[in-house]
Amino acid sequence: MSDTGAAPPSRLEQRKVRTRAALVAAGQQLLAEGRTDVAVSVITDLADVGLGSFYNHFATKDELFAAATATAAQEIVAGLDELTAEVTDPVERFAACLRLVGRMHRRLPQLSGILLRSGAPMLSVRGELMQFPRRDLLDGIERGRFAVADPDLALAATAGAMLMLGQLLADEPDRDDATAADAMTRTLLGAFGVDAGEAERICALPLPGDGGA
């Protein structure tokens, strides 16, 4: 019987994938550092690829930084999905993800820097990063666990809290990130109709991965 599976990628295709990944990683580093006004040559030097390679993958720096932001969002979502895969209750999962993102700001500073500098575009209620709270919020509403009249407004409030908590932690390096993240999460749960005692219980639950994001 002939093999009908897809042919393995050629060396050229593998090199293209590695080059693009290196450029995106360089873009993420520069985004996190707030250095988006650099020349293309700085990006390719950081990625350790030739200058011409940049234009084989991206037409402009803006296109690269958009890809770097999208990749960062995918990395965060993939990490949250993996860590909360065993959590079945939508409110507990919603809370766990928020608590994990709050801890991410100190424990994964590059991803935090990208989030803080990308701001609203990365946290659009229709965007990649907001799909985890959207899923759990809608599930919780359907099960009667959340009392929310306008899910998009609730998601906008969630996005704002995620972003501004990160900024607060950056502005106040002595503030405890876990305590702040849990307090923010309790506040949001209460705003979305969860009883105070239940919100307290949920935010005291052990986090998957010992709080790593």
N, C-alpha and C. Protein backbone atom coordinates (compact mmCIF):
# COMPACT_ATOMS: atom_id res chain seq x y z
N MET A 1 0.86 -1.20 0.00
CA MET A 1 0.00 0.00 0.00
C MET A 1 0.90 1.24 0.00
N SER A 2 0.61 2.19 -0.87
CA SER A 2 1.42 3.40 -0.95
C SER A 2 1.16 4.30 0.24
N ASP A 3 2.15 5.08 0.60
CA ASP A 3 2.06 6.01 1.71
C ASP A 3 1.34 7.27 1.25
N THR A 4 0.17 7.54 1.81
CA THR A 4 -0.62 8.71 1.40
C THR A 4 -0.44 9.88 2.35
N GLY A 5 0.46 9.74 3.36
CA GLY A 5 0.68 10.83 4.30
C GLY A 5 1.41 11.98 3.63
N ALA A 6 1.37 13.13 4.28
CA ALA A 6 2.04 14.31 3.75
C ALA A 6 3.54 14.11 3.78
N ALA A 7 4.20 14.61 2.74
CA ALA A 7 5.66 14.51 2.68
C ALA A 7 6.28 15.39 3.76
N PRO A 8 7.37 14.95 4.35
CA PRO A 8 8.03 15.78 5.35
C PRO A 8 8.52 17.08 4.72
N PRO A 9 8.57 18.15 5.49
CA PRO A 9 9.02 19.43 4.92
C PRO A 9 10.47 19.34 4.44
N SER A 10 10.75 20.01 3.36
CA SER A 10 12.10 20.02 2.83
C SER A 10 13.01 20.86 3.72
N ARG A 11 14.30 20.76 3.50
CA ARG A 11 15.25 21.56 4.27
C ARG A 11 15.00 23.05 4.07
N LEU A 12 14.65 23.43 2.84
CA LEU A 12 14.37 24.83 2.56
C LEU A 12 13.16 25.30 3.36
N GLU A 13 12.10 24.48 3.39
CA GLU A 13 10.90 24.85 4.15
C GLU A 13 11.21 24.93 5.64
N GLN A 14 12.02 23.99 6.14
CA GLN A 14 12.39 24.01 7.55
C GLN A 14 13.18 25.28 7.88
N ARG A 15 14.09 25.66 6.96
CA ARG A 15 14.88 26.87 7.19
C ARG A 15 13.98 28.11 7.19
N LYS A 16 13.00 28.13 6.30
CA LYS A 16 12.07 29.26 6.27
C LYS A 16 11.30 29.38 7.58
N VAL A 17 10.86 28.23 8.11
CA VAL A 17 10.12 28.23 9.37
C VAL A 17 11.02 28.74 10.50
N ARG A 18 12.27 28.27 10.53
CA ARG A 18 13.19 28.71 11.58
C ARG A 18 13.49 30.20 11.46
N THR A 19 13.64 30.68 10.24
CA THR A 19 13.93 32.10 10.04
C THR A 19 12.77 32.97 10.49
N ARG A 20 11.56 32.57 10.10
CA ARG A 20 10.39 33.34 10.52
C ARG A 20 10.25 33.34 12.04
N ALA A 21 10.46 32.17 12.65
CA ALA A 21 10.36 32.07 14.11
C ALA A 21 11.39 32.97 14.78
N ALA A 22 12.60 33.02 14.23
CA ALA A 22 13.65 33.86 14.81
C ALA A 22 13.28 35.34 14.69
N LEU A 23 12.71 35.72 13.56
CA LEU A 23 12.28 37.11 13.38
C LEU A 23 11.15 37.47 14.34
N VAL A 24 10.19 36.57 14.49
CA VAL A 24 9.09 36.82 15.42
C VAL A 24 9.60 36.92 16.85
N ALA A 25 10.54 36.05 17.23
CA ALA A 25 11.11 36.11 18.57
C ALA A 25 11.83 37.43 18.79
N ALA A 26 12.56 37.89 17.78
CA ALA A 26 13.22 39.19 17.88
C ALA A 26 12.19 40.30 18.03
N GLY A 27 11.12 40.20 17.25
CA GLY A 27 10.05 41.20 17.36
C GLY A 27 9.43 41.22 18.74
N GLN A 28 9.24 40.04 19.34
CA GLN A 28 8.68 39.97 20.69
C GLN A 28 9.61 40.63 21.70
N GLN A 29 10.91 40.37 21.57
CA GLN A 29 11.86 40.98 22.50
C GLN A 29 11.84 42.50 22.40
N LEU A 30 11.81 43.01 21.17
CA LEU A 30 11.80 44.46 20.97
C LEU A 30 10.49 45.08 21.45
N LEU A 31 9.39 44.38 21.21
CA LEU A 31 8.10 44.86 21.72
C LEU A 31 8.12 44.97 23.23
N ALA A 32 8.60 43.93 23.88
CA ALA A 32 8.63 43.91 25.34
C ALA A 32 9.50 45.03 25.90
N GLU A 33 10.55 45.38 25.15
CA GLU A 33 11.46 46.43 25.57
C GLU A 33 11.00 47.82 25.14
N GLY A 34 9.92 47.88 24.35
CA GLY A 34 9.43 49.16 23.86
C GLY A 34 10.28 49.77 22.77
N ARG A 35 10.99 48.92 22.03
CA ARG A 35 11.91 49.40 21.00
C ARG A 35 11.37 49.07 19.60
N THR A 36 10.24 49.65 19.26
CA THR A 36 9.63 49.33 17.97
C THR A 36 10.06 50.30 16.86
N ASP A 37 10.88 51.29 17.21
CA ASP A 37 11.30 52.28 16.20
C ASP A 37 12.68 51.97 15.63
N VAL A 38 13.16 50.76 15.85
CA VAL A 38 14.50 50.40 15.38
C VAL A 38 14.49 50.12 13.88
N ALA A 39 15.68 50.13 13.28
CA ALA A 39 15.83 49.79 11.87
C ALA A 39 15.64 48.29 11.67
N VAL A 40 15.28 47.92 10.46
CA VAL A 40 15.11 46.50 10.14
C VAL A 40 16.40 45.74 10.40
N SER A 41 17.54 46.38 10.17
CA SER A 41 18.83 45.72 10.38
C SER A 41 19.02 45.31 11.84
N VAL A 42 18.46 46.09 12.77
CA VAL A 42 18.55 45.74 14.19
C VAL A 42 17.76 44.46 14.45
N ILE A 43 16.61 44.35 13.81
CA ILE A 43 15.77 43.16 13.98
C ILE A 43 16.48 41.93 13.43
N THR A 44 17.04 42.05 12.23
CA THR A 44 17.69 40.88 11.63
C THR A 44 18.97 40.51 12.38
N ASP A 45 19.68 41.51 12.90
CA ASP A 45 20.87 41.20 13.72
C ASP A 45 20.45 40.43 14.98
N LEU A 46 19.37 40.88 15.60
CA LEU A 46 18.90 40.22 16.82
C LEU A 46 18.44 38.80 16.51
N ALA A 47 17.83 38.61 15.34
CA ALA A 47 17.35 37.28 14.93
C ALA A 47 18.47 36.42 14.36
N ASP A 48 19.63 37.05 14.09
CA ASP A 48 20.78 36.36 13.51
C ASP A 48 20.43 35.77 12.14
N VAL A 49 19.78 36.62 11.32
CA VAL A 49 19.47 36.24 9.94
C VAL A 49 19.89 37.38 9.03
N GLY A 50 19.98 37.11 7.74
CA GLY A 50 20.36 38.12 6.79
C GLY A 50 19.29 39.18 6.61
N LEU A 51 19.73 40.38 6.24
CA LEU A 51 18.79 41.49 6.07
C LEU A 51 17.70 41.17 5.05
N GLY A 52 18.09 40.53 3.96
CA GLY A 52 17.12 40.21 2.92
C GLY A 52 16.07 39.22 3.37
N SER A 53 16.42 38.42 4.38
CA SER A 53 15.46 37.41 4.87
C SER A 53 14.21 38.06 5.46
N PHE A 54 14.36 39.25 6.00
CA PHE A 54 13.21 39.92 6.61
C PHE A 54 12.08 40.05 5.60
N TYR A 55 12.41 40.53 4.40
CA TYR A 55 11.39 40.82 3.41
C TYR A 55 10.87 39.58 2.70
N ASN A 56 11.49 38.43 2.96
CA ASN A 56 10.91 37.18 2.49
C ASN A 56 9.71 36.76 3.34
N HIS A 57 9.57 37.39 4.51
CA HIS A 57 8.52 36.99 5.45
C HIS A 57 7.57 38.13 5.81
N PHE A 58 8.07 39.36 5.83
CA PHE A 58 7.26 40.50 6.27
C PHE A 58 7.50 41.69 5.35
N ALA A 59 6.43 42.36 4.99
CA ALA A 59 6.55 43.53 4.11
C ALA A 59 7.02 44.76 4.88
N THR A 60 6.63 44.85 6.15
CA THR A 60 6.95 46.01 6.97
C THR A 60 7.25 45.59 8.40
N LYS A 61 7.83 46.50 9.17
CA LYS A 61 8.02 46.23 10.59
C LYS A 61 6.68 46.08 11.30
N ASP A 62 5.70 46.87 10.91
CA ASP A 62 4.38 46.76 11.54
C ASP A 62 3.81 45.36 11.38
N GLU A 63 4.04 44.78 10.21
CA GLU A 63 3.55 43.42 9.97
C GLU A 63 4.26 42.43 10.89
N LEU A 64 5.56 42.61 11.08
CA LEU A 64 6.30 41.74 12.00
C LEU A 64 5.78 41.89 13.42
N PHE A 65 5.61 43.11 13.88
CA PHE A 65 5.18 43.32 15.26
C PHE A 65 3.75 42.81 15.48
N ALA A 66 2.92 42.89 14.44
CA ALA A 66 1.57 42.31 14.55
C ALA A 66 1.67 40.79 14.71
N ALA A 67 2.57 40.17 13.96
CA ALA A 67 2.76 38.71 14.08
C ALA A 67 3.33 38.36 15.44
N ALA A 68 4.25 39.19 15.95
CA ALA A 68 4.84 38.94 17.27
C ALA A 68 3.78 39.04 18.36
N THR A 69 2.89 40.00 18.24
CA THR A 69 1.81 40.16 19.21
C THR A 69 0.85 38.99 19.14
N ALA A 70 0.47 38.59 17.93
CA ALA A 70 -0.46 37.47 17.77
C ALA A 70 0.15 36.19 18.32
N THR A 71 1.43 35.99 18.09
CA THR A 71 2.10 34.79 18.60
C THR A 71 2.14 34.79 20.12
N ALA A 72 2.39 35.96 20.71
CA ALA A 72 2.39 36.06 22.17
C ALA A 72 1.02 35.72 22.74
N ALA A 73 -0.04 36.22 22.10
CA ALA A 73 -1.39 35.90 22.56
C ALA A 73 -1.65 34.40 22.47
N GLN A 74 -1.21 33.79 21.37
CA GLN A 74 -1.39 32.34 21.21
C GLN A 74 -0.63 31.57 22.28
N GLU A 75 0.56 32.04 22.63
CA GLU A 75 1.36 31.37 23.66
C GLU A 75 0.67 31.44 25.03
N ILE A 76 0.11 32.61 25.34
CA ILE A 76 -0.59 32.76 26.62
C ILE A 76 -1.81 31.85 26.67
N VAL A 77 -2.61 31.88 25.60
CA VAL A 77 -3.83 31.07 25.56
C VAL A 77 -3.49 29.58 25.63
N ALA A 78 -2.45 29.16 24.90
CA ALA A 78 -2.06 27.74 24.93
C ALA A 78 -1.63 27.33 26.33
N GLY A 79 -0.89 28.21 27.01
CA GLY A 79 -0.47 27.91 28.38
C GLY A 79 -1.64 27.80 29.33
N LEU A 80 -2.59 28.71 29.19
CA LEU A 80 -3.78 28.68 30.05
C LEU A 80 -4.62 27.44 29.78
N ASP A 81 -4.77 27.10 28.50
CA ASP A 81 -5.55 25.91 28.15
C ASP A 81 -4.92 24.66 28.76
N GLU A 82 -3.61 24.58 28.68
CA GLU A 82 -2.93 23.40 29.22
C GLU A 82 -3.07 23.33 30.74
N LEU A 83 -2.89 24.46 31.40
CA LEU A 83 -2.90 24.47 32.86
C LEU A 83 -4.30 24.23 33.44
N THR A 84 -5.32 24.67 32.71
CA THR A 84 -6.69 24.56 33.25
C THR A 84 -7.50 23.46 32.58
N ALA A 85 -6.83 22.56 31.89
CA ALA A 85 -7.54 21.51 31.15
C ALA A 85 -8.41 20.63 32.06
N GLU A 86 -8.02 20.48 33.32
CA GLU A 86 -8.77 19.62 34.23
C GLU A 86 -9.87 20.37 35.00
N VAL A 87 -9.96 21.67 34.82
CA VAL A 87 -10.96 22.47 35.54
C VAL A 87 -12.24 22.48 34.70
N THR A 88 -13.32 21.95 35.25
CA THR A 88 -14.56 21.81 34.47
C THR A 88 -15.59 22.89 34.77
N ASP A 89 -15.56 23.46 35.97
CA ASP A 89 -16.52 24.51 36.31
C ASP A 89 -16.12 25.81 35.62
N PRO A 90 -17.02 26.46 34.88
CA PRO A 90 -16.63 27.65 34.12
C PRO A 90 -16.19 28.83 34.99
N VAL A 91 -16.80 29.00 36.14
CA VAL A 91 -16.42 30.11 37.01
C VAL A 91 -15.04 29.85 37.61
N GLU A 92 -14.79 28.62 38.03
CA GLU A 92 -13.47 28.29 38.57
C GLU A 92 -12.39 28.41 37.50
N ARG A 93 -12.74 28.03 36.27
CA ARG A 93 -11.76 28.13 35.18
C ARG A 93 -11.51 29.59 34.82
N PHE A 94 -12.57 30.38 34.75
CA PHE A 94 -12.45 31.82 34.49
C PHE A 94 -11.53 32.45 35.53
N ALA A 95 -11.78 32.13 36.80
CA ALA A 95 -10.98 32.70 37.88
C ALA A 95 -9.54 32.22 37.83
N ALA A 96 -9.34 30.92 37.57
CA ALA A 96 -7.98 30.39 37.52
C ALA A 96 -7.17 31.07 36.43
N CYS A 97 -7.78 31.28 35.27
CA CYS A 97 -7.06 31.93 34.17
C CYS A 97 -6.68 33.36 34.53
N LEU A 98 -7.60 34.09 35.15
CA LEU A 98 -7.28 35.46 35.55
C LEU A 98 -6.18 35.49 36.60
N ARG A 99 -6.23 34.60 37.54
CA ARG A 99 -5.19 34.54 38.58
C ARG A 99 -3.83 34.18 37.97
N LEU A 100 -3.84 33.30 36.99
CA LEU A 100 -2.61 32.93 36.32
C LEU A 100 -2.04 34.08 35.49
N VAL A 101 -2.91 34.78 34.78
CA VAL A 101 -2.45 35.93 33.99
C VAL A 101 -1.87 37.00 34.92
N GLY A 102 -2.51 37.20 36.07
CA GLY A 102 -1.98 38.17 37.03
C GLY A 102 -0.58 37.82 37.49
N ARG A 103 -0.32 36.55 37.70
CA ARG A 103 1.01 36.10 38.12
C ARG A 103 2.00 36.14 36.96
N MET A 104 1.51 36.04 35.74
CA MET A 104 2.38 36.05 34.56
C MET A 104 3.22 37.33 34.49
N HIS A 105 2.67 38.44 34.95
CA HIS A 105 3.36 39.71 34.77
C HIS A 105 4.75 39.72 35.41
N ARG A 106 4.88 39.04 36.54
CA ARG A 106 6.19 38.98 37.18
C ARG A 106 7.00 37.76 36.73
N ARG A 107 6.32 36.68 36.40
CA ARG A 107 7.01 35.41 36.16
C ARG A 107 7.38 35.20 34.70
N LEU A 108 6.67 35.86 33.80
CA LEU A 108 7.00 35.82 32.37
C LEU A 108 7.06 37.27 31.87
N PRO A 109 8.12 37.99 32.24
CA PRO A 109 8.16 39.44 31.99
C PRO A 109 8.11 39.82 30.52
N GLN A 110 8.63 38.98 29.63
CA GLN A 110 8.58 39.35 28.22
C GLN A 110 7.14 39.34 27.71
N LEU A 111 6.39 38.29 28.04
CA LEU A 111 4.98 38.26 27.64
C LEU A 111 4.21 39.41 28.27
N SER A 112 4.52 39.71 29.53
CA SER A 112 3.86 40.83 30.19
C SER A 112 4.17 42.14 29.48
N GLY A 113 5.45 42.33 29.12
CA GLY A 113 5.83 43.55 28.43
C GLY A 113 5.12 43.72 27.11
N ILE A 114 4.96 42.62 26.38
CA ILE A 114 4.23 42.69 25.10
C ILE A 114 2.78 43.08 25.35
N LEU A 115 2.17 42.47 26.36
CA LEU A 115 0.77 42.77 26.68
C LEU A 115 0.61 44.24 27.06
N LEU A 116 1.50 44.74 27.92
CA LEU A 116 1.38 46.12 28.38
C LEU A 116 1.60 47.11 27.25
N ARG A 117 2.52 46.82 26.35
CA ARG A 117 2.83 47.77 25.28
C ARG A 117 1.89 47.65 24.10
N SER A 118 1.27 46.47 23.94
CA SER A 118 0.29 46.31 22.86
C SER A 118 -1.07 46.86 23.28
N GLY A 119 -1.41 46.66 24.56
CA GLY A 119 -2.61 47.26 25.11
C GLY A 119 -3.90 46.80 24.46
N ALA A 120 -4.74 47.78 24.12
CA ALA A 120 -6.08 47.49 23.64
C ALA A 120 -6.14 46.56 22.44
N PRO A 121 -5.29 46.71 21.41
CA PRO A 121 -5.40 45.79 20.27
C PRO A 121 -5.25 44.32 20.67
N MET A 122 -4.35 44.03 21.60
CA MET A 122 -4.15 42.64 22.02
C MET A 122 -5.31 42.15 22.87
N LEU A 123 -6.01 43.09 23.52
CA LEU A 123 -7.08 42.72 24.44
C LEU A 123 -8.47 43.02 23.88
N SER A 124 -8.57 43.12 22.57
CA SER A 124 -9.88 43.28 21.95
C SER A 124 -10.79 42.14 22.38
N VAL A 125 -12.05 42.45 22.68
CA VAL A 125 -12.96 41.40 23.17
C VAL A 125 -13.19 40.32 22.12
N ARG A 126 -12.86 40.60 20.85
CA ARG A 126 -12.99 39.59 19.79
C ARG A 126 -11.66 38.94 19.45
N GLY A 127 -10.60 39.34 20.14
CA GLY A 127 -9.28 38.86 19.79
C GLY A 127 -8.93 37.52 20.40
N GLU A 128 -7.76 37.02 20.00
CA GLU A 128 -7.29 35.70 20.42
C GLU A 128 -7.20 35.57 21.93
N LEU A 129 -6.60 36.58 22.56
CA LEU A 129 -6.33 36.46 24.00
C LEU A 129 -7.60 36.44 24.83
N MET A 130 -8.66 37.06 24.35
CA MET A 130 -9.89 37.14 25.13
C MET A 130 -10.83 35.97 24.88
N GLN A 131 -10.38 34.98 24.12
CA GLN A 131 -11.25 33.83 23.87
C GLN A 131 -11.43 32.96 25.10
N PHE A 132 -10.40 32.91 25.98
CA PHE A 132 -10.57 32.07 27.18
C PHE A 132 -11.60 32.67 28.13
N PRO A 133 -11.58 33.98 28.42
CA PRO A 133 -12.64 34.48 29.30
C PRO A 133 -14.00 34.49 28.61
N ARG A 134 -14.04 34.70 27.30
CA ARG A 134 -15.33 34.69 26.59
C ARG A 134 -15.97 33.31 26.72
N ARG A 135 -15.20 32.28 26.47
CA ARG A 135 -15.73 30.90 26.55
C ARG A 135 -16.31 30.63 27.94
N ASP A 136 -15.53 30.95 28.97
CA ASP A 136 -15.96 30.62 30.32
C ASP A 136 -17.08 31.53 30.80
N LEU A 137 -17.04 32.79 30.38
CA LEU A 137 -18.11 33.72 30.77
C LEU A 137 -19.45 33.27 30.17
N LEU A 138 -19.45 32.95 28.89
CA LEU A 138 -20.69 32.53 28.24
C LEU A 138 -21.20 31.21 28.81
N ASP A 139 -20.26 30.30 29.10
CA ASP A 139 -20.64 29.02 29.70
C ASP A 139 -21.24 29.25 31.08
N GLY A 140 -20.61 30.14 31.86
CA GLY A 140 -21.11 30.43 33.20
C GLY A 140 -22.47 31.10 33.18
N ILE A 141 -22.70 31.98 32.20
CA ILE A 141 -24.01 32.63 32.06
C ILE A 141 -25.07 31.58 31.74
N GLU A 142 -24.74 30.68 30.81
CA GLU A 142 -25.70 29.65 30.39
C GLU A 142 -26.07 28.73 31.56
N ARG A 143 -25.12 28.47 32.43
CA ARG A 143 -25.37 27.59 33.58
C ARG A 143 -25.95 28.33 34.78
N GLY A 144 -26.13 29.63 34.64
CA GLY A 144 -26.66 30.41 35.75
C GLY A 144 -25.65 30.73 36.84
N ARG A 145 -24.37 30.58 36.52
CA ARG A 145 -23.31 30.84 37.50
C ARG A 145 -22.88 32.30 37.49
N PHE A 146 -23.01 32.95 36.35
CA PHE A 146 -22.76 34.39 36.23
C PHE A 146 -24.08 35.09 35.95
N ALA A 147 -24.24 36.29 36.49
CA ALA A 147 -25.41 37.13 36.19
C ALA A 147 -24.91 38.36 35.45
N VAL A 148 -24.84 38.26 34.14
CA VAL A 148 -24.27 39.31 33.30
C VAL A 148 -25.25 39.60 32.17
N ALA A 149 -25.65 40.88 32.05
CA ALA A 149 -26.60 41.25 31.02
C ALA A 149 -25.92 41.47 29.67
N ASP A 150 -24.69 41.98 29.68
CA ASP A 150 -23.99 42.30 28.44
C ASP A 150 -22.60 41.65 28.49
N PRO A 151 -22.43 40.49 27.87
CA PRO A 151 -21.14 39.79 27.95
C PRO A 151 -19.97 40.61 27.41
N ASP A 152 -20.19 41.39 26.35
CA ASP A 152 -19.08 42.16 25.79
C ASP A 152 -18.60 43.24 26.77
N LEU A 153 -19.54 43.86 27.49
CA LEU A 153 -19.12 44.83 28.51
C LEU A 153 -18.35 44.14 29.63
N ALA A 154 -18.80 42.95 30.01
CA ALA A 154 -18.08 42.20 31.04
C ALA A 154 -16.68 41.83 30.57
N LEU A 155 -16.55 41.47 29.30
CA LEU A 155 -15.23 41.14 28.75
C LEU A 155 -14.34 42.37 28.67
N ALA A 156 -14.94 43.52 28.33
CA ALA A 156 -14.15 44.75 28.29
C ALA A 156 -13.63 45.09 29.69
N ALA A 157 -14.46 44.89 30.70
CA ALA A 157 -14.03 45.12 32.08
C ALA A 157 -12.91 44.15 32.46
N THR A 158 -13.04 42.91 32.03
CA THR A 158 -12.01 41.90 32.31
C THR A 158 -10.69 42.27 31.64
N ALA A 159 -10.76 42.68 30.38
CA ALA A 159 -9.55 43.07 29.65
C ALA A 159 -8.87 44.26 30.33
N GLY A 160 -9.67 45.25 30.72
CA GLY A 160 -9.10 46.41 31.39
C GLY A 160 -8.43 46.05 32.70
N ALA A 161 -9.05 45.15 33.44
CA ALA A 161 -8.47 44.71 34.71
C ALA A 161 -7.16 43.97 34.49
N MET A 162 -7.12 43.09 33.49
CA MET A 162 -5.89 42.36 33.19
C MET A 162 -4.75 43.30 32.84
N LEU A 163 -5.06 44.29 32.01
CA LEU A 163 -4.03 45.22 31.57
C LEU A 163 -3.55 46.12 32.70
N MET A 164 -4.49 46.70 33.44
CA MET A 164 -4.11 47.66 34.46
C MET A 164 -3.49 46.99 35.67
N LEU A 165 -3.81 45.74 35.94
CA LEU A 165 -3.11 45.03 37.01
C LEU A 165 -1.64 44.89 36.64
N GLY A 166 -1.37 44.55 35.38
CA GLY A 166 0.01 44.44 34.94
C GLY A 166 0.76 45.75 35.09
N GLN A 167 0.09 46.85 34.74
CA GLN A 167 0.73 48.16 34.87
C GLN A 167 0.97 48.51 36.34
N LEU A 168 0.00 48.19 37.18
CA LEU A 168 0.15 48.44 38.62
C LEU A 168 1.34 47.67 39.18
N LEU A 169 1.48 46.40 38.79
CA LEU A 169 2.59 45.60 39.28
C LEU A 169 3.93 46.12 38.76
N ALA A 170 3.92 46.66 37.54
CA ALA A 170 5.14 47.26 37.01
C ALA A 170 5.50 48.55 37.75
N ASP A 171 4.47 49.33 38.10
CA ASP A 171 4.69 50.60 38.80
C ASP A 171 5.06 50.40 40.27
N GLU A 172 4.59 49.29 40.84
CA GLU A 172 4.82 49.02 42.27
C GLU A 172 5.50 47.67 42.43
N PRO A 173 6.81 47.62 42.23
CA PRO A 173 7.52 46.32 42.25
C PRO A 173 7.46 45.59 43.59
N ASP A 174 7.14 46.29 44.67
CA ASP A 174 7.06 45.63 45.97
C ASP A 174 5.68 45.02 46.24
N ARG A 175 4.71 45.31 45.39
CA ARG A 175 3.37 44.75 45.59
C ARG A 175 3.38 43.26 45.28
N ASP A 176 2.73 42.46 46.12
CA ASP A 176 2.68 41.02 45.90
C ASP A 176 1.75 40.69 44.73
N ASP A 177 2.29 40.01 43.72
CA ASP A 177 1.51 39.76 42.51
C ASP A 177 0.37 38.78 42.74
N ALA A 178 0.60 37.74 43.54
CA ALA A 178 -0.44 36.73 43.77
C ALA A 178 -1.61 37.34 44.54
N THR A 179 -1.31 38.10 45.58
CA THR A 179 -2.37 38.73 46.37
C THR A 179 -3.18 39.69 45.51
N ALA A 180 -2.48 40.47 44.69
CA ALA A 180 -3.16 41.44 43.83
C ALA A 180 -4.02 40.74 42.78
N ALA A 181 -3.49 39.69 42.18
CA ALA A 181 -4.24 38.97 41.15
C ALA A 181 -5.49 38.33 41.72
N ASP A 182 -5.38 37.76 42.92
CA ASP A 182 -6.54 37.12 43.54
C ASP A 182 -7.59 38.15 43.94
N ALA A 183 -7.14 39.30 44.44
CA ALA A 183 -8.08 40.36 44.81
C ALA A 183 -8.81 40.90 43.59
N MET A 184 -8.09 41.10 42.51
CA MET A 184 -8.72 41.56 41.26
C MET A 184 -9.76 40.55 40.79
N THR A 185 -9.41 39.28 40.86
CA THR A 185 -10.32 38.23 40.40
C THR A 185 -11.58 38.18 41.26
N ARG A 186 -11.42 38.29 42.58
CA ARG A 186 -12.60 38.32 43.47
C ARG A 186 -13.51 39.49 43.12
N THR A 187 -12.92 40.64 42.84
CA THR A 187 -13.70 41.82 42.49
C THR A 187 -14.51 41.59 41.22
N LEU A 188 -13.87 41.00 40.21
CA LEU A 188 -14.58 40.73 38.96
C LEU A 188 -15.68 39.70 39.15
N LEU A 189 -15.39 38.65 39.90
CA LEU A 189 -16.43 37.65 40.14
C LEU A 189 -17.64 38.28 40.82
N GLY A 190 -17.39 39.13 41.81
CA GLY A 190 -18.50 39.80 42.48
C GLY A 190 -19.28 40.69 41.53
N ALA A 191 -18.57 41.40 40.65
CA ALA A 191 -19.24 42.26 39.68
C ALA A 191 -20.09 41.46 38.70
N PHE A 192 -19.73 40.21 38.49
CA PHE A 192 -20.45 39.36 37.54
C PHE A 192 -21.47 38.46 38.22
N GLY A 193 -21.81 38.79 39.48
CA GLY A 193 -22.93 38.13 40.15
C GLY A 193 -22.59 36.94 41.00
N VAL A 194 -21.32 36.69 41.25
CA VAL A 194 -20.93 35.58 42.11
C VAL A 194 -20.97 36.02 43.56
N ASP A 195 -21.58 35.22 44.42
CA ASP A 195 -21.68 35.53 45.84
C ASP A 195 -20.27 35.72 46.43
N ALA A 196 -20.16 36.65 47.38
CA ALA A 196 -18.85 36.99 47.95
C ALA A 196 -18.17 35.77 48.58
N GLY A 197 -18.93 34.96 49.28
CA GLY A 197 -18.36 33.77 49.90
C GLY A 197 -17.86 32.78 48.87
N GLU A 198 -18.62 32.61 47.79
CA GLU A 198 -18.22 31.71 46.72
C GLU A 198 -16.98 32.26 45.99
N ALA A 199 -16.94 33.57 45.77
CA ALA A 199 -15.78 34.18 45.13
C ALA A 199 -14.53 33.97 45.98
N GLU A 200 -14.69 34.11 47.29
CA GLU A 200 -13.57 33.90 48.21
C GLU A 200 -13.08 32.46 48.13
N ARG A 201 -14.01 31.51 48.10
CA ARG A 201 -13.64 30.09 48.02
C ARG A 201 -12.90 29.80 46.73
N ILE A 202 -13.43 30.29 45.63
CA ILE A 202 -12.84 30.01 44.33
C ILE A 202 -11.42 30.58 44.23
N CYS A 203 -11.23 31.77 44.75
CA CYS A 203 -9.91 32.40 44.64
C CYS A 203 -8.90 31.86 45.65
N ALA A 204 -9.37 31.01 46.53
CA ALA A 204 -8.45 30.33 47.47
C ALA A 204 -8.07 28.94 47.00
N LEU A 205 -8.65 28.49 45.89
CA LEU A 205 -8.34 27.16 45.38
C LEU A 205 -6.88 27.11 44.90
N PRO A 206 -6.23 25.96 45.05
CA PRO A 206 -4.87 25.83 44.51
C PRO A 206 -4.88 26.05 43.01
N LEU A 207 -3.85 26.71 42.51
CA LEU A 207 -3.77 26.95 41.08
C LEU A 207 -3.05 25.81 40.38
N PRO A 208 -3.50 25.47 39.18
CA PRO A 208 -2.77 24.46 38.40
C PRO A 208 -1.34 24.94 38.15
N GLY A 209 -0.41 24.03 38.19
CA GLY A 209 0.98 24.40 37.92
C GLY A 209 1.60 25.22 39.02
N ASP A 210 1.02 25.17 40.23
CA ASP A 210 1.56 25.91 41.38
C ASP A 210 1.64 27.40 41.11
N GLY A 211 0.68 27.92 40.30
CA GLY A 211 0.63 29.36 40.09
C GLY A 211 1.47 29.85 38.94
N GLY A 212 2.19 28.96 38.26
CA GLY A 212 2.93 29.41 37.09
C GLY A 212 2.00 29.60 35.93
N ALA A 213 2.34 30.51 35.01
CA ALA A 213 1.47 30.75 33.86
C ALA A 213 2.13 30.28 32.58
